[in-house]
Amino acid sequence: MKSLLTLIALALLLTACGESAPPAPVTSAEVFLTSSTLEARVDGMHCSGCEASMCVVLQDLPGVAAVKADHKAGTVTVALAEGAAMEPEALTQAIRTAYPEYTIGEVVKHVPGESSEPAPH
């Protein structure tokens, strides 16, 4: 009985998606203007809690300077640290691993001073 209650509590915790979740980490807008970024279309985020958990997961990737997620726009943007590089597939794979229920669309790489192109995913 105890293990059943534990499973139910865990299921509720994993599926809970409420506006009472902590806000996404604050990031400097300047980082996103001056750094190379990868922006992915991500469908499945429903609230600020989804945004915050996405930011926490992606912030731990090597070379990531900052992350912003927007559940309303359905986007996740990763700003890379100076001199760091990340392939679009690495971002896609990190999201798929952490959130297999999300649908990941086009990933666009932005490099300051260059035109942006959709990256294969």
Protein backbone atom coordinates (compact mmCIF):
# COMPACT_ATOMS: atom_id res chain seq x y z
CA MET A 1 0.00 0.00 0.00
CA LYS A 2 2.84 2.37 0.88
CA SER A 3 4.53 1.77 -2.48
CA LEU A 4 1.24 2.44 -4.29
CA LEU A 5 0.88 5.77 -2.50
CA THR A 6 4.48 6.59 -3.32
CA LEU A 7 3.86 5.83 -7.00
CA ILE A 8 0.73 7.96 -7.03
CA ALA A 9 2.55 10.85 -5.34
CA LEU A 10 5.42 10.55 -7.82
CA ALA A 11 3.01 10.49 -10.78
CA LEU A 12 1.25 13.60 -9.49
CA LEU A 13 4.55 15.36 -8.98
CA LEU A 14 5.80 14.50 -12.46
CA THR A 15 2.57 15.46 -14.19
CA ALA A 16 1.81 18.55 -12.13
CA CYS A 17 1.99 21.64 -14.22
CA GLY A 18 0.88 24.66 -12.31
CA GLU A 19 1.41 28.36 -12.33
CA SER A 20 2.57 28.17 -8.70
CA ALA A 21 5.93 26.79 -9.83
CA PRO A 22 8.98 29.00 -9.35
CA PRO A 23 9.72 31.36 -12.23
CA ALA A 24 12.33 30.51 -14.82
CA PRO A 25 15.85 31.60 -13.89
CA VAL A 26 16.54 35.26 -14.65
CA THR A 27 19.03 35.70 -17.46
CA SER A 28 20.74 38.76 -18.85
CA ALA A 29 19.22 39.89 -22.14
CA GLU A 30 22.68 41.07 -23.18
CA VAL A 31 23.96 37.48 -23.18
CA PHE A 32 21.37 36.57 -25.79
CA LEU A 33 22.27 39.59 -27.94
CA THR A 34 26.02 39.07 -27.93
CA SER A 35 26.38 35.27 -27.85
CA SER A 36 25.84 32.54 -30.39
CA THR A 37 22.51 30.89 -29.67
CA LEU A 38 20.48 27.85 -30.59
CA GLU A 39 16.72 28.29 -30.61
CA ALA A 40 14.47 25.23 -30.72
CA ARG A 41 10.73 24.90 -31.26
CA VAL A 42 9.45 22.81 -28.36
CA ASP A 43 5.80 21.83 -28.02
CA GLY A 44 4.61 20.45 -24.70
CA MET A 45 5.56 23.13 -22.17
CA HIS A 46 2.41 24.42 -20.47
CA CYS A 47 3.47 26.83 -17.72
CA SER A 48 6.28 28.70 -15.99
CA GLY A 49 7.12 25.52 -14.09
CA CYS A 50 7.83 23.76 -17.39
CA GLU A 51 10.02 26.70 -18.40
CA ALA A 52 11.94 26.63 -15.13
CA SER A 53 12.61 22.89 -15.24
CA MET A 54 13.74 23.14 -18.89
CA CYS A 55 16.17 25.93 -17.94
CA VAL A 56 17.60 23.91 -15.05
CA VAL A 57 18.20 20.85 -17.24
CA LEU A 58 19.79 22.72 -20.15
CA GLN A 59 21.88 25.06 -17.98
CA ASP A 60 23.98 22.02 -17.01
CA LEU A 61 25.06 21.29 -20.60
CA PRO A 62 28.73 22.04 -21.36
CA GLY A 63 29.26 25.44 -22.93
CA VAL A 64 25.87 26.89 -21.97
CA ALA A 65 25.98 30.46 -20.65
CA ALA A 66 22.22 31.02 -20.26
CA VAL A 67 18.87 29.48 -21.13
CA LYS A 68 15.44 30.96 -21.65
CA ALA A 69 12.25 29.03 -22.29
CA ASP A 70 8.90 30.44 -23.34
CA HIS A 71 5.93 28.08 -23.05
CA LYS A 72 3.60 30.52 -24.81
CA ALA A 73 5.86 30.86 -27.85
CA GLY A 74 6.94 27.21 -27.65
CA THR A 75 10.64 28.06 -27.80
CA VAL A 76 13.81 27.29 -25.90
CA THR A 77 16.89 29.44 -26.51
CA VAL A 78 20.38 28.50 -25.36
CA ALA A 79 23.11 31.15 -25.31
CA LEU A 80 26.59 29.68 -25.61
CA ALA A 81 29.57 30.76 -23.56
CA GLU A 82 32.30 32.64 -25.42
CA GLY A 83 34.30 30.19 -27.52
CA ALA A 84 31.86 27.32 -26.89
CA ALA A 85 30.16 25.36 -29.64
CA MET A 86 27.13 23.10 -29.61
CA GLU A 87 25.63 21.13 -32.43
CA PRO A 88 21.85 21.47 -32.84
CA GLU A 89 21.54 17.71 -32.42
CA ALA A 90 23.10 17.93 -28.94
CA LEU A 91 20.38 20.36 -27.87
CA THR A 92 17.66 18.24 -29.44
CA GLN A 93 19.00 15.10 -27.75
CA ALA A 94 19.25 16.77 -24.34
CA ILE A 95 15.61 17.90 -24.57
CA ARG A 96 14.44 14.48 -25.82
CA THR A 97 16.28 12.70 -23.02
CA ALA A 98 14.84 14.91 -20.27
CA TYR A 99 11.37 15.36 -21.79
CA PRO A 100 10.46 12.49 -24.13
CA GLU A 101 6.84 13.71 -24.16
CA TYR A 102 7.78 17.05 -25.78
CA THR A 103 7.86 17.51 -29.55
CA ILE A 104 11.00 19.21 -30.82
CA GLY A 105 10.84 21.04 -34.12
CA GLU A 106 13.24 23.22 -36.04
CA VAL A 107 16.48 24.31 -34.37
CA VAL A 108 17.93 27.62 -35.59
CA LYS A 109 21.51 28.67 -34.91
CA HIS A 110 22.10 32.41 -34.49
CA VAL A 111 25.63 33.82 -34.64
CA PRO A 112 26.01 37.56 -34.03
CA GLY A 113 26.80 39.27 -37.32
CA GLU A 114 25.72 36.33 -39.50
CA SER A 115 22.39 35.39 -41.06
CA SER A 116 20.46 32.64 -39.28
CA GLU A 117 19.66 29.34 -40.90
CA PRO A 118 17.57 26.42 -39.71
CA ALA A 119 19.85 23.65 -38.58
CA PRO A 120 19.07 20.02 -39.37
CA HIS A 121 17.78 18.05 -36.39
